[in-house]
N, C-alpha and C. Protein backbone atom coordinates (compact mmCIF):
# COMPACT_ATOMS: atom_id res chain seq x y z
N UNK A 1 100.56 79.71 83.44
CA UNK A 1 101.31 80.31 82.30
C UNK A 1 101.19 81.91 82.50
N UNK A 2 99.89 82.20 82.63
CA UNK A 2 99.64 83.73 82.78
C UNK A 2 100.51 84.36 83.90
N UNK A 3 100.47 83.48 85.13
CA UNK A 3 101.15 84.04 86.24
C UNK A 3 102.53 84.19 86.01
N UNK A 4 103.22 83.26 85.39
CA UNK A 4 104.67 83.29 85.00
C UNK A 4 105.01 84.28 84.04
N UNK A 5 104.04 84.64 83.08
CA UNK A 5 104.29 85.62 82.24
C UNK A 5 104.26 87.02 82.90
N UNK A 6 103.31 87.19 83.95
CA UNK A 6 103.41 88.39 84.74
C UNK A 6 104.67 88.50 85.47
N UNK A 7 105.25 87.36 85.95
CA UNK A 7 106.53 87.49 86.62
C UNK A 7 107.62 87.90 85.62
N UNK A 8 107.59 87.23 84.49
CA UNK A 8 108.64 87.55 83.46
C UNK A 8 108.72 89.05 83.05
N UNK A 9 107.41 89.69 82.90
CA UNK A 9 107.32 91.08 82.60
C UNK A 9 107.98 91.91 83.70
N UNK A 10 107.67 91.55 85.04
CA UNK A 10 108.28 92.33 86.15
C UNK A 10 109.87 92.16 86.21
N UNK A 11 110.36 90.88 86.05
CA UNK A 11 111.76 90.84 86.05
C UNK A 11 112.49 91.47 84.70
N UNK A 12 111.76 91.56 83.61
CA UNK A 12 112.26 92.22 82.46
C UNK A 12 112.42 93.63 82.71
N UNK A 13 111.34 94.27 83.32
CA UNK A 13 111.36 95.69 83.70
C UNK A 13 112.43 96.06 84.70
N UNK A 14 112.77 95.08 85.75
CA UNK A 14 113.83 95.29 86.64
C UNK A 14 115.18 95.19 85.94
N UNK A 15 115.31 94.27 85.06
CA UNK A 15 116.76 94.13 84.30
C UNK A 15 116.96 95.52 83.35
N UNK A 16 115.79 95.92 82.80
CA UNK A 16 115.82 97.13 81.98
C UNK A 16 116.15 98.40 82.74
N UNK A 17 116.03 98.31 84.09
CA UNK A 17 116.33 99.57 85.00
C UNK A 17 117.44 99.38 85.95
N UNK A 18 118.38 98.45 85.53
CA UNK A 18 119.54 98.20 86.58
C UNK A 18 120.30 99.50 86.76
N UNK A 19 120.49 100.45 85.68
CA UNK A 19 121.08 101.50 85.74
C UNK A 19 120.22 102.85 85.82
N UNK A 20 119.08 102.64 86.38
CA UNK A 20 118.19 103.92 86.54
C UNK A 20 118.29 104.22 88.06
N UNK A 21 118.73 105.51 88.17
CA UNK A 21 118.94 106.02 89.53
C UNK A 21 117.59 106.00 90.42
N UNK A 22 117.61 105.49 91.58
CA UNK A 22 116.40 105.50 92.56
C UNK A 22 115.39 104.36 92.13
N UNK A 23 115.66 103.57 91.13
CA UNK A 23 114.55 102.59 90.95
C UNK A 23 114.48 101.52 91.98
N UNK A 24 113.34 101.19 92.11
CA UNK A 24 112.99 100.09 93.07
C UNK A 24 112.45 98.88 92.49
N UNK A 25 113.03 97.72 92.64
CA UNK A 25 112.72 96.50 91.98
C UNK A 25 111.24 96.11 92.13
N UNK A 26 110.48 95.69 91.13
CA UNK A 26 109.16 95.12 91.25
C UNK A 26 109.17 93.66 91.70
N UNK A 27 108.16 93.28 92.55
CA UNK A 27 108.12 91.98 93.10
C UNK A 27 106.59 91.39 92.78
N UNK A 28 106.57 90.13 92.40
CA UNK A 28 105.21 89.55 92.19
C UNK A 28 104.93 88.57 93.30
N UNK A 29 103.79 88.63 93.74
CA UNK A 29 103.15 87.53 94.63
C UNK A 29 102.20 86.74 93.86
N UNK A 30 102.03 85.44 94.37
CA UNK A 30 101.21 84.54 93.80
C UNK A 30 100.18 84.00 94.77
N UNK A 31 99.04 83.41 94.29
CA UNK A 31 98.03 82.89 95.19
C UNK A 31 97.51 81.40 94.49
N UNK A 32 97.07 80.68 95.25
CA UNK A 32 96.58 79.37 94.90
C UNK A 32 95.25 79.52 94.24
N UNK A 33 94.96 78.82 93.07
CA UNK A 33 93.76 78.95 92.38
C UNK A 33 92.53 77.99 92.85
N UNK A 34 93.08 76.91 93.65
CA UNK A 34 92.19 75.94 94.00
C UNK A 34 91.00 76.44 94.93
N UNK A 35 91.40 77.33 95.84
CA UNK A 35 90.38 77.65 96.80
C UNK A 35 90.00 79.26 96.55
N UNK A 36 90.15 79.63 95.36
CA UNK A 36 89.79 81.02 95.01
C UNK A 36 88.71 81.15 93.84
N UNK A 37 87.96 82.26 93.82
CA UNK A 37 87.04 82.46 92.82
C UNK A 37 87.62 82.98 91.56
N UNK A 38 89.04 82.94 91.45
CA UNK A 38 89.66 83.35 90.22
C UNK A 38 89.50 84.66 89.71
N UNK A 39 89.32 85.73 90.71
CA UNK A 39 89.32 87.05 90.21
C UNK A 39 90.58 87.65 90.42
N UNK A 40 91.17 88.20 89.41
CA UNK A 40 92.53 88.88 89.38
C UNK A 40 93.28 88.43 88.25
N UNK A 41 94.67 88.63 88.51
CA UNK A 41 95.57 88.33 87.47
C UNK A 41 95.71 86.85 86.99
N UNK A 42 95.65 86.63 85.70
CA UNK A 42 96.00 85.36 85.21
C UNK A 42 94.85 84.25 85.36
N UNK A 43 93.67 84.67 85.59
CA UNK A 43 92.65 83.59 85.75
C UNK A 43 91.39 84.02 85.13
N UNK A 44 90.59 83.11 84.68
CA UNK A 44 89.41 83.48 83.84
C UNK A 44 88.29 83.96 84.76
N UNK A 45 87.70 84.89 84.40
CA UNK A 45 86.44 85.60 85.30
C UNK A 45 85.33 84.43 85.44
N UNK A 46 84.91 84.46 86.59
CA UNK A 46 83.73 83.43 86.83
C UNK A 46 84.04 82.05 87.10
N UNK A 47 85.33 81.65 86.95
CA UNK A 47 85.76 80.27 87.41
C UNK A 47 85.81 80.18 88.76
N UNK A 48 85.10 79.24 89.35
CA UNK A 48 85.07 79.05 90.88
C UNK A 48 86.18 78.19 91.45
N UNK A 49 86.51 77.20 90.72
CA UNK A 49 87.65 76.52 91.17
C UNK A 49 88.66 76.27 90.14
N UNK A 50 89.85 75.80 90.37
CA UNK A 50 90.92 75.68 89.26
C UNK A 50 92.15 74.98 90.02
N UNK A 51 93.28 75.07 89.23
CA UNK A 51 94.42 74.39 89.70
C UNK A 51 95.59 75.31 89.36
N UNK A 52 96.81 75.29 90.09
CA UNK A 52 97.93 76.00 89.76
C UNK A 52 98.00 77.31 90.57
N UNK A 53 98.47 78.41 90.03
CA UNK A 53 98.57 79.60 90.78
C UNK A 53 98.42 80.88 89.74
N UNK A 54 98.14 81.93 90.31
CA UNK A 54 98.02 83.25 89.54
C UNK A 54 98.67 84.33 90.27
N UNK A 55 99.27 85.32 89.56
CA UNK A 55 99.90 86.47 90.13
C UNK A 55 98.68 87.26 90.69
N UNK A 56 98.91 87.55 92.10
CA UNK A 56 97.90 88.40 92.66
C UNK A 56 98.27 89.83 93.02
N UNK A 57 99.45 90.21 92.90
CA UNK A 57 99.89 91.69 93.27
C UNK A 57 101.28 91.77 92.79
N UNK A 58 101.63 93.06 92.42
CA UNK A 58 102.88 93.57 92.02
C UNK A 58 103.40 94.55 92.99
N UNK A 59 104.29 94.32 93.78
CA UNK A 59 104.90 95.30 94.67
C UNK A 59 106.26 95.78 94.46
N UNK A 60 106.84 96.58 95.34
CA UNK A 60 108.15 97.09 95.11
C UNK A 60 109.04 96.90 96.31
N UNK A 61 110.35 96.44 96.04
CA UNK A 61 111.29 96.31 96.97
C UNK A 61 111.64 97.70 97.57
N UNK A 62 111.84 97.81 98.86
CA UNK A 62 112.09 99.23 99.50
C UNK A 62 113.64 99.15 99.98
N UNK A 63 114.28 98.22 99.72
CA UNK A 63 115.77 98.16 99.95
C UNK A 63 116.54 99.43 99.39
N UNK A 64 117.51 100.00 100.14
CA UNK A 64 118.26 101.05 99.80
C UNK A 64 119.23 100.66 98.66
N UNK A 65 119.40 101.53 97.67
CA UNK A 65 120.27 101.12 96.50
C UNK A 65 121.69 101.87 96.96
N UNK A 66 122.71 101.45 96.25
CA UNK A 66 123.97 101.86 96.46
C UNK A 66 124.17 103.39 96.18
N UNK A 67 125.05 104.12 96.96
CA UNK A 67 125.23 105.63 96.71
C UNK A 67 126.40 105.74 95.78
N UNK A 68 126.22 106.76 94.82
CA UNK A 68 127.26 107.02 93.94
C UNK A 68 127.64 108.54 93.89
N UNK A 69 128.89 108.86 94.12
CA UNK A 69 129.32 110.33 94.20
C UNK A 69 129.40 110.84 92.83
N UNK A 70 128.74 111.85 92.49
CA UNK A 70 128.80 112.39 91.15
C UNK A 70 129.59 113.70 91.03
N UNK A 71 129.82 114.48 92.27
CA UNK A 71 130.33 115.77 92.29
C UNK A 71 129.60 116.86 91.68
N UNK A 72 128.28 116.54 91.28
CA UNK A 72 127.39 117.66 90.74
C UNK A 72 126.49 118.23 91.88
N UNK A 73 126.48 119.52 91.92
CA UNK A 73 125.61 120.15 93.12
C UNK A 73 124.30 119.93 93.09
N UNK A 74 123.65 119.63 91.94
CA UNK A 74 122.13 119.45 91.99
C UNK A 74 121.73 118.00 91.93
N UNK A 75 122.72 117.17 92.25
CA UNK A 75 122.43 115.74 92.59
C UNK A 75 122.20 115.60 93.98
N UNK A 76 121.25 114.69 94.38
CA UNK A 76 121.02 114.39 95.84
C UNK A 76 120.49 113.09 95.94
N UNK A 77 120.94 112.38 97.13
CA UNK A 77 120.40 110.93 97.37
C UNK A 77 119.70 110.95 98.78
N UNK A 78 118.79 110.17 98.89
CA UNK A 78 118.11 110.01 100.21
C UNK A 78 118.76 108.85 100.99
N UNK A 79 119.03 109.03 102.30
CA UNK A 79 119.51 108.02 103.15
C UNK A 79 118.50 107.68 104.08
N UNK A 80 117.91 106.41 103.90
CA UNK A 80 116.67 106.08 104.79
C UNK A 80 115.55 105.97 103.97
N UNK A 81 114.34 105.60 104.54
CA UNK A 81 113.10 105.43 103.88
C UNK A 81 112.49 106.83 103.47
N UNK A 82 111.71 106.90 102.36
CA UNK A 82 111.26 108.14 101.97
C UNK A 82 111.48 108.46 100.58
N UNK A 83 110.78 109.51 100.17
CA UNK A 83 110.81 109.96 98.66
C UNK A 83 110.83 111.57 98.66
N UNK A 84 111.23 112.07 97.48
CA UNK A 84 111.14 113.41 97.27
C UNK A 84 109.87 113.65 96.61
N UNK A 85 109.14 114.65 96.94
CA UNK A 85 107.78 114.98 96.41
C UNK A 85 107.94 115.84 95.19
N UNK A 86 107.21 115.25 94.12
CA UNK A 86 107.23 116.17 92.84
C UNK A 86 105.90 116.31 92.26
N UNK A 87 105.64 117.09 91.33
CA UNK A 87 104.23 117.25 90.68
C UNK A 87 104.43 116.84 89.22
N UNK A 88 103.42 115.84 88.75
CA UNK A 88 103.41 115.41 87.43
C UNK A 88 102.77 116.48 86.52
N UNK A 89 102.87 116.32 85.19
CA UNK A 89 102.41 117.26 84.34
C UNK A 89 100.90 117.54 84.43
N UNK A 90 100.16 116.40 84.86
CA UNK A 90 98.70 116.65 85.15
C UNK A 90 98.42 117.13 86.50
N UNK A 91 99.33 117.64 87.21
CA UNK A 91 99.19 118.17 88.53
C UNK A 91 99.07 117.26 89.70
N UNK A 92 99.12 115.90 89.47
CA UNK A 92 99.30 114.95 90.61
C UNK A 92 100.46 114.86 91.31
N UNK A 93 100.36 114.70 92.51
CA UNK A 93 101.61 114.72 93.34
C UNK A 93 102.24 113.25 93.26
N UNK A 94 103.41 113.08 93.09
CA UNK A 94 104.12 112.00 92.88
C UNK A 94 105.39 111.83 93.77
N UNK A 95 105.99 110.54 93.82
CA UNK A 95 107.23 110.55 94.72
C UNK A 95 108.32 109.97 93.83
N UNK A 96 109.61 110.28 94.22
CA UNK A 96 110.63 109.73 93.46
C UNK A 96 111.88 109.63 94.51
N UNK A 97 112.83 108.76 94.07
CA UNK A 97 114.00 108.66 94.72
C UNK A 97 115.26 109.00 93.85
N UNK A 98 114.88 109.43 92.58
CA UNK A 98 115.77 109.90 91.61
C UNK A 98 116.16 111.35 91.75
N UNK A 99 117.34 111.67 92.44
CA UNK A 99 117.57 113.02 92.86
C UNK A 99 118.53 113.81 91.84
N UNK A 100 118.37 113.36 90.52
CA UNK A 100 119.16 114.00 89.36
C UNK A 100 118.24 115.32 89.10
N UNK A 101 118.51 116.55 89.78
CA UNK A 101 117.75 117.68 89.53
C UNK A 101 118.41 118.68 88.55
N UNK A 102 117.49 119.60 88.10
CA UNK A 102 117.97 120.53 87.19
C UNK A 102 117.20 121.78 87.24
N UNK A 103 117.58 122.95 86.73
CA UNK A 103 116.76 124.18 86.81
C UNK A 103 116.18 124.33 85.43
N UNK A 104 114.90 124.59 85.37
CA UNK A 104 114.18 124.80 84.10
C UNK A 104 114.53 126.29 83.49
N UNK A 105 114.13 126.51 82.24
CA UNK A 105 114.42 127.70 81.59
C UNK A 105 113.73 128.90 82.45
N UNK A 106 112.73 128.74 83.12
CA UNK A 106 111.99 129.84 83.90
C UNK A 106 112.49 129.72 85.31
N UNK A 107 113.57 129.11 85.63
CA UNK A 107 114.22 129.12 86.97
C UNK A 107 113.56 128.08 88.07
N UNK A 108 112.83 127.26 87.70
CA UNK A 108 112.16 126.34 88.75
C UNK A 108 112.91 125.01 88.75
N UNK A 109 113.04 124.49 89.93
CA UNK A 109 113.74 123.25 90.25
C UNK A 109 112.89 122.13 89.86
N UNK A 110 113.45 121.04 89.05
CA UNK A 110 112.70 120.02 88.55
C UNK A 110 113.69 118.78 88.40
N UNK A 111 112.87 117.56 88.15
CA UNK A 111 113.61 116.44 87.89
C UNK A 111 114.26 116.60 86.52
N UNK A 112 115.41 115.70 86.15
CA UNK A 112 115.83 115.80 84.87
C UNK A 112 114.99 115.40 83.79
N UNK A 113 113.85 114.72 84.17
CA UNK A 113 112.66 114.41 83.22
C UNK A 113 111.73 115.33 83.13
N UNK A 114 111.80 116.63 83.86
CA UNK A 114 110.89 117.62 83.70
C UNK A 114 109.85 117.83 84.69
N UNK A 115 109.58 116.66 85.58
CA UNK A 115 108.54 116.95 86.66
C UNK A 115 109.08 117.99 87.67
N UNK A 116 108.23 118.93 88.07
CA UNK A 116 108.56 120.07 88.89
C UNK A 116 108.65 119.51 90.32
N UNK A 117 109.57 120.00 91.05
CA UNK A 117 109.63 119.75 92.51
C UNK A 117 108.46 120.38 93.22
N UNK A 118 107.82 119.76 94.14
CA UNK A 118 106.62 120.25 94.90
C UNK A 118 106.79 120.15 96.45
N UNK A 119 106.75 121.35 97.19
CA UNK A 119 106.40 122.64 96.57
C UNK A 119 107.35 123.31 95.74
N UNK A 120 107.01 124.16 94.91
CA UNK A 120 108.07 124.80 94.00
C UNK A 120 109.16 125.57 94.50
N UNK A 121 110.22 125.39 94.00
CA UNK A 121 111.46 126.12 94.32
C UNK A 121 111.97 127.00 93.09
N UNK A 122 112.10 128.31 93.29
CA UNK A 122 112.43 129.19 92.18
C UNK A 122 113.86 129.70 92.37
N UNK A 123 114.66 129.76 91.25
CA UNK A 123 116.00 130.15 91.37
C UNK A 123 116.10 131.62 90.69
N UNK A 124 116.79 132.48 91.24
CA UNK A 124 116.90 133.75 90.45
C UNK A 124 117.56 133.63 89.14
N UNK A 125 117.19 134.62 88.24
CA UNK A 125 117.64 134.52 86.92
C UNK A 125 119.17 134.50 86.81
N UNK A 126 119.81 133.69 85.95
CA UNK A 126 121.32 133.67 85.90
C UNK A 126 121.93 133.15 87.08
N UNK A 127 121.21 132.36 88.04
CA UNK A 127 121.90 131.77 89.16
C UNK A 127 123.00 130.84 88.77
N UNK A 128 124.10 130.84 89.55
CA UNK A 128 125.12 129.78 89.41
C UNK A 128 124.86 128.60 90.15
N UNK A 129 124.33 127.50 89.36
CA UNK A 129 123.94 126.38 90.23
C UNK A 129 125.09 125.55 90.78
N UNK A 130 126.28 125.90 90.52
CA UNK A 130 127.40 125.17 91.01
C UNK A 130 127.65 125.61 92.53
N UNK A 131 127.06 126.75 92.89
CA UNK A 131 127.22 127.27 94.21
C UNK A 131 125.95 126.95 95.11
N UNK A 132 125.06 125.96 94.62
CA UNK A 132 123.98 125.64 95.32
C UNK A 132 124.44 124.65 96.41
N UNK A 133 123.89 124.90 97.72
CA UNK A 133 123.98 124.00 98.88
C UNK A 133 122.75 123.26 99.22
N UNK A 134 122.74 122.14 99.35
CA UNK A 134 121.65 121.23 99.88
C UNK A 134 121.82 120.56 101.17
N UNK A 135 121.19 121.03 102.20
CA UNK A 135 121.44 120.54 103.48
C UNK A 135 120.75 119.15 103.58
N UNK A 136 121.08 118.47 104.76
CA UNK A 136 120.62 117.15 105.08
C UNK A 136 119.16 117.08 105.24
N UNK A 137 118.54 118.27 105.58
CA UNK A 137 117.01 118.37 105.68
C UNK A 137 116.26 118.77 104.42
N UNK A 138 117.07 118.78 103.47
CA UNK A 138 116.52 119.35 102.12
C UNK A 138 116.52 120.61 101.84
N UNK A 139 117.05 121.59 102.66
CA UNK A 139 117.06 123.12 102.48
C UNK A 139 118.06 123.33 101.55
N UNK A 140 117.55 124.21 100.41
CA UNK A 140 118.34 124.53 99.38
C UNK A 140 118.67 125.99 99.36
N UNK A 141 119.91 126.35 99.45
CA UNK A 141 120.40 127.75 99.65
C UNK A 141 121.40 128.00 98.46
N UNK A 142 121.46 129.38 98.25
CA UNK A 142 122.39 130.05 97.21
C UNK A 142 123.01 131.18 97.68
N UNK A 143 124.34 131.27 97.78
CA UNK A 143 125.05 132.38 98.31
C UNK A 143 124.61 132.72 99.71
N UNK A 144 124.30 131.69 100.48
CA UNK A 144 123.82 132.03 101.85
C UNK A 144 122.28 132.26 102.12
N UNK A 145 121.53 132.43 101.00
CA UNK A 145 120.13 132.61 101.08
C UNK A 145 119.37 131.44 100.76
N UNK A 146 118.40 131.12 101.63
CA UNK A 146 117.59 129.93 101.49
C UNK A 146 116.64 130.19 100.35
N UNK A 147 116.39 129.18 99.43
CA UNK A 147 115.35 129.22 98.34
C UNK A 147 114.21 128.42 98.60
N UNK A 148 114.32 127.49 99.29
CA UNK A 148 113.10 126.59 99.68
C UNK A 148 113.75 125.33 100.26
N UNK A 149 112.81 124.37 100.30
CA UNK A 149 113.22 123.02 100.88
C UNK A 149 112.55 121.91 100.08
N UNK A 150 113.39 120.79 99.76
CA UNK A 150 112.82 119.74 99.19
C UNK A 150 111.95 118.98 100.25
N UNK A 151 110.80 118.51 99.76
CA UNK A 151 109.86 117.85 100.72
C UNK A 151 110.10 116.43 100.79
N UNK A 152 110.49 115.99 101.90
CA UNK A 152 110.70 114.49 101.97
C UNK A 152 109.60 113.83 102.65
N UNK A 153 108.97 112.84 101.95
CA UNK A 153 107.70 112.30 102.31
C UNK A 153 107.87 110.78 102.31
N UNK A 154 106.75 110.20 102.75
CA UNK A 154 106.72 108.70 102.78
C UNK A 154 105.26 108.22 102.71
N UNK A 155 104.99 106.99 102.56
CA UNK A 155 103.69 106.28 102.72
C UNK A 155 103.69 105.22 103.71
N UNK A 156 102.54 104.77 104.28
CA UNK A 156 102.58 103.65 105.28
C UNK A 156 103.13 102.30 104.64
N UNK A 157 102.75 101.97 103.33
CA UNK A 157 103.07 100.86 102.75
C UNK A 157 103.85 101.19 101.32
N UNK A 158 105.02 101.41 101.37
CA UNK A 158 105.77 101.90 100.17
C UNK A 158 105.71 100.78 99.05
N UNK A 159 105.69 99.41 99.49
CA UNK A 159 105.67 98.40 98.52
C UNK A 159 104.55 98.36 97.58
N UNK A 160 103.47 99.00 98.02
CA UNK A 160 102.19 99.12 97.22
C UNK A 160 102.09 100.32 96.41
N UNK A 161 103.10 101.13 96.29
CA UNK A 161 102.96 102.32 95.30
C UNK A 161 103.00 101.83 93.99
N UNK A 162 102.17 102.63 93.17
CA UNK A 162 102.09 102.34 91.89
C UNK A 162 103.10 103.07 90.90
N UNK A 163 103.70 102.40 89.97
CA UNK A 163 104.61 103.02 89.17
C UNK A 163 103.97 104.21 88.23
N UNK A 164 104.73 105.40 88.22
CA UNK A 164 104.23 106.45 87.45
C UNK A 164 105.27 106.78 86.41
N UNK A 165 105.08 107.87 85.55
CA UNK A 165 105.89 108.11 84.35
C UNK A 165 107.24 108.49 85.03
N UNK A 166 108.40 108.37 84.24
CA UNK A 166 109.80 108.72 84.47
C UNK A 166 110.38 108.42 85.73
N UNK A 167 110.10 107.11 86.17
CA UNK A 167 110.79 106.75 87.52
C UNK A 167 110.18 107.31 88.76
N UNK A 168 108.86 107.77 88.66
CA UNK A 168 108.14 108.26 89.76
C UNK A 168 107.17 107.17 90.21
N UNK A 169 106.50 107.48 91.46
CA UNK A 169 105.53 106.53 92.03
C UNK A 169 104.33 107.31 92.45
N UNK A 170 103.19 106.74 92.42
CA UNK A 170 101.95 107.44 92.80
C UNK A 170 101.29 106.56 93.92
N UNK A 171 100.80 107.21 94.98
CA UNK A 171 100.06 106.68 96.06
C UNK A 171 98.93 105.98 95.63
N UNK A 172 98.51 104.83 96.22
CA UNK A 172 97.39 104.08 96.02
C UNK A 172 96.57 103.77 97.35
N UNK A 173 95.45 103.20 97.16
CA UNK A 173 94.75 102.91 98.49
C UNK A 173 95.61 101.87 99.33
N UNK A 174 96.26 100.91 98.56
CA UNK A 174 97.07 99.99 99.36
C UNK A 174 98.32 100.56 100.03
N UNK A 175 98.89 101.66 99.34
CA UNK A 175 100.07 102.24 99.95
C UNK A 175 99.82 103.24 101.02
N UNK A 176 98.51 103.72 101.13
CA UNK A 176 98.22 104.65 102.02
C UNK A 176 98.59 106.20 101.51
N UNK A 177 98.08 107.13 102.27
CA UNK A 177 98.29 108.47 101.83
C UNK A 177 99.64 109.04 102.10
N UNK A 178 100.13 110.04 101.39
CA UNK A 178 101.35 110.58 101.51
C UNK A 178 101.44 111.30 102.91
N UNK A 179 102.57 111.08 103.47
CA UNK A 179 102.80 111.78 104.82
C UNK A 179 104.38 112.20 104.95
N UNK A 180 104.70 112.86 105.96
CA UNK A 180 105.98 113.34 106.15
C UNK A 180 106.85 112.12 106.42
N UNK A 181 108.08 112.04 105.94
CA UNK A 181 109.02 110.87 106.17
C UNK A 181 109.64 111.05 107.54
N UNK A 182 110.19 110.04 108.06
CA UNK A 182 110.88 109.86 109.44
C UNK A 182 111.91 111.00 109.40
N UNK A 183 112.11 111.60 110.70
CA UNK A 183 113.21 112.49 110.73
C UNK A 183 114.67 112.02 110.50
N UNK A 184 114.63 110.69 110.82
CA UNK A 184 116.06 109.99 110.50
C UNK A 184 116.47 110.05 109.13
N UNK A 185 115.59 110.17 108.15
CA UNK A 185 115.94 110.20 106.62
C UNK A 185 116.51 111.49 106.34
N UNK A 186 117.81 111.46 105.78
CA UNK A 186 118.50 112.61 105.39
C UNK A 186 118.89 112.60 103.98
N UNK A 187 119.33 113.81 103.49
CA UNK A 187 119.79 113.98 102.12
C UNK A 187 121.38 114.11 101.96
N UNK A 188 121.90 113.60 100.87
CA UNK A 188 123.26 113.92 100.74
C UNK A 188 123.68 114.47 99.36
N UNK A 189 124.23 115.73 99.27
CA UNK A 189 124.39 116.36 98.09
C UNK A 189 125.51 115.78 97.26
N UNK A 190 125.44 116.00 95.95
CA UNK A 190 126.46 115.40 94.97
C UNK A 190 126.57 113.94 94.83
N UNK A 191 125.42 113.43 95.19
CA UNK A 191 125.29 111.97 95.28
C UNK A 191 124.03 111.43 94.77
N UNK A 192 123.99 110.20 93.95
CA UNK A 192 122.81 109.78 93.41
C UNK A 192 122.65 108.21 94.01
N UNK A 193 121.38 107.82 94.33
CA UNK A 193 121.13 106.47 94.72
C UNK A 193 121.06 105.58 93.40
N UNK A 194 121.71 104.46 93.42
CA UNK A 194 121.52 103.59 92.35
C UNK A 194 120.37 102.58 92.46
N UNK A 195 120.02 101.89 91.31
CA UNK A 195 118.91 101.03 91.31
C UNK A 195 119.24 99.91 92.37
N UNK A 196 118.19 99.32 93.12
CA UNK A 196 118.29 98.27 94.07
C UNK A 196 118.08 96.97 93.44
N UNK A 197 118.13 96.82 92.03
CA UNK A 197 117.84 95.54 91.45
C UNK A 197 119.20 94.63 91.51
N UNK A 198 118.97 93.49 92.01
CA UNK A 198 120.12 92.46 92.12
C UNK A 198 120.15 91.73 90.81
N UNK A 199 121.14 92.16 89.99
CA UNK A 199 121.18 91.54 88.62
C UNK A 199 121.21 89.97 88.63
N UNK A 200 122.08 89.41 89.54
CA UNK A 200 122.18 87.97 89.58
C UNK A 200 120.87 87.29 89.90
N UNK A 201 120.08 87.91 90.98
CA UNK A 201 118.96 87.32 91.34
C UNK A 201 117.90 87.49 90.28
N UNK A 202 117.83 88.59 89.59
CA UNK A 202 116.90 88.92 88.55
C UNK A 202 117.03 87.90 87.39
N UNK A 203 118.35 87.57 87.09
CA UNK A 203 118.53 86.57 85.97
C UNK A 203 118.12 85.17 86.54
N UNK A 204 118.31 84.86 87.74
CA UNK A 204 117.83 83.56 88.25
C UNK A 204 116.38 83.54 88.19
N UNK A 205 115.65 84.56 88.55
CA UNK A 205 114.23 84.62 88.64
C UNK A 205 113.73 84.44 87.15
N UNK A 206 114.41 85.03 86.19
CA UNK A 206 113.93 85.04 84.83
C UNK A 206 113.98 83.53 84.24
N UNK A 207 115.09 82.87 84.72
CA UNK A 207 115.26 81.42 84.25
C UNK A 207 114.19 80.61 84.84
N UNK A 208 113.91 80.91 86.17
CA UNK A 208 112.95 79.95 86.82
C UNK A 208 111.48 80.27 86.20
N UNK A 209 111.20 81.56 86.00
CA UNK A 209 109.89 81.93 85.34
C UNK A 209 109.81 81.19 83.95
N UNK A 210 110.80 81.29 83.21
CA UNK A 210 110.76 80.66 81.78
C UNK A 210 110.59 79.14 81.83
N UNK A 211 111.34 78.45 82.78
CA UNK A 211 111.23 76.96 83.05
C UNK A 211 109.79 76.62 83.40
N UNK A 212 109.22 77.38 84.37
CA UNK A 212 107.89 77.25 84.90
C UNK A 212 106.96 77.38 83.60
N UNK A 213 107.04 78.36 83.06
CA UNK A 213 106.12 78.61 81.79
C UNK A 213 106.26 77.45 80.84
N UNK A 214 107.35 77.04 80.55
CA UNK A 214 107.45 75.87 79.59
C UNK A 214 106.89 74.57 80.21
N UNK A 215 107.10 74.46 81.47
CA UNK A 215 106.40 73.12 82.22
C UNK A 215 104.96 73.20 82.06
N UNK A 216 104.50 74.35 82.42
CA UNK A 216 103.01 74.52 82.34
C UNK A 216 102.40 74.37 80.90
N UNK A 217 103.17 74.86 79.92
CA UNK A 217 102.81 74.69 78.51
C UNK A 217 102.76 73.16 78.15
N UNK A 218 103.77 72.58 78.60
CA UNK A 218 103.96 71.04 78.29
C UNK A 218 102.78 70.25 79.04
N UNK A 219 102.46 70.64 80.23
CA UNK A 219 101.33 70.06 80.79
C UNK A 219 99.94 70.11 80.07
N UNK A 220 99.81 71.20 79.53
CA UNK A 220 98.63 71.67 78.80
C UNK A 220 98.58 70.72 77.49
N UNK A 221 99.74 70.63 76.90
CA UNK A 221 99.78 69.78 75.66
C UNK A 221 99.53 68.29 76.04
N UNK A 222 100.21 67.82 77.06
CA UNK A 222 99.97 66.51 77.41
C UNK A 222 98.53 66.14 77.76
N UNK A 223 97.88 67.04 78.58
CA UNK A 223 96.41 66.96 78.80
C UNK A 223 95.59 66.84 77.53
N UNK A 224 95.90 67.73 76.47
CA UNK A 224 95.10 67.75 75.21
C UNK A 224 95.43 66.37 74.69
N UNK A 225 96.58 65.85 74.77
CA UNK A 225 96.75 64.51 74.01
C UNK A 225 95.99 63.40 74.76
N UNK A 226 96.00 63.49 76.03
CA UNK A 226 94.95 62.48 76.92
C UNK A 226 93.70 62.50 76.47
N UNK A 227 93.11 63.78 76.34
CA UNK A 227 91.86 63.89 76.10
C UNK A 227 91.52 63.51 74.67
N UNK A 228 92.45 63.59 73.80
CA UNK A 228 92.25 63.18 72.51
C UNK A 228 92.17 61.68 72.45
N UNK A 229 93.00 60.96 73.12
CA UNK A 229 93.03 59.51 73.12
C UNK A 229 91.61 59.05 73.83
N UNK A 230 91.21 59.72 74.83
CA UNK A 230 89.99 59.27 75.49
C UNK A 230 88.78 59.41 74.54
N UNK A 231 88.79 60.49 73.78
CA UNK A 231 87.73 60.70 72.85
C UNK A 231 87.81 59.54 71.73
N UNK A 232 88.91 59.16 71.29
CA UNK A 232 89.11 58.12 70.34
C UNK A 232 88.51 56.79 70.76
N UNK A 233 88.94 56.44 72.09
CA UNK A 233 88.44 55.19 72.76
C UNK A 233 86.96 55.22 72.84
N UNK A 234 86.28 56.47 73.18
CA UNK A 234 84.95 56.47 73.36
C UNK A 234 84.17 56.22 71.97
N UNK A 235 84.77 56.68 70.82
CA UNK A 235 84.08 56.44 69.57
C UNK A 235 84.30 54.98 69.11
């Protein structure tokens, strides 16, 4: 039941982010409890044997989302594996595929949620952002003058990235350290990548998890009834 609850939580998060640009669907893996010491998701600590399954990890799908033309100069989408590097409010480096950018009041380039692009890119005061050009390699220029370059990065195991605030991801031991993305990854200006959540599949997964949860609950109830009968026979 705990394993299916974890799955339901992941599917619910996916459905809630169907319209979130650059969102990568969460996936849950399971393990058999019979041959496990029950350390991890959905199992009692210290139990050496058991039955059923438990959620053992939550990963991310790395499939490319659909591209949507916005006509806005500060929107950008990645084509291929990789992420745009940003800096969280606590100074931690994070990754995102949400290319909805904006210029802050002090002229710095940031995500629409406020996280600054890393390394920092500064615009001159009063700059006309409609005239901004973003090259396939991430170079940002205004009136023919280069202002900086979006840093396109990746990790060895993107599926193991940890979800951060505002549709960002943070590197973990499982994902490996941040490194430069493959040269084949390019950027497209005035375009945003959509969520890669398959709504039909997510709904199917939700129904399966709900039915499995109900079945497990019924099995526990039946077991309790059998034990109650056994106790009565013993008395």
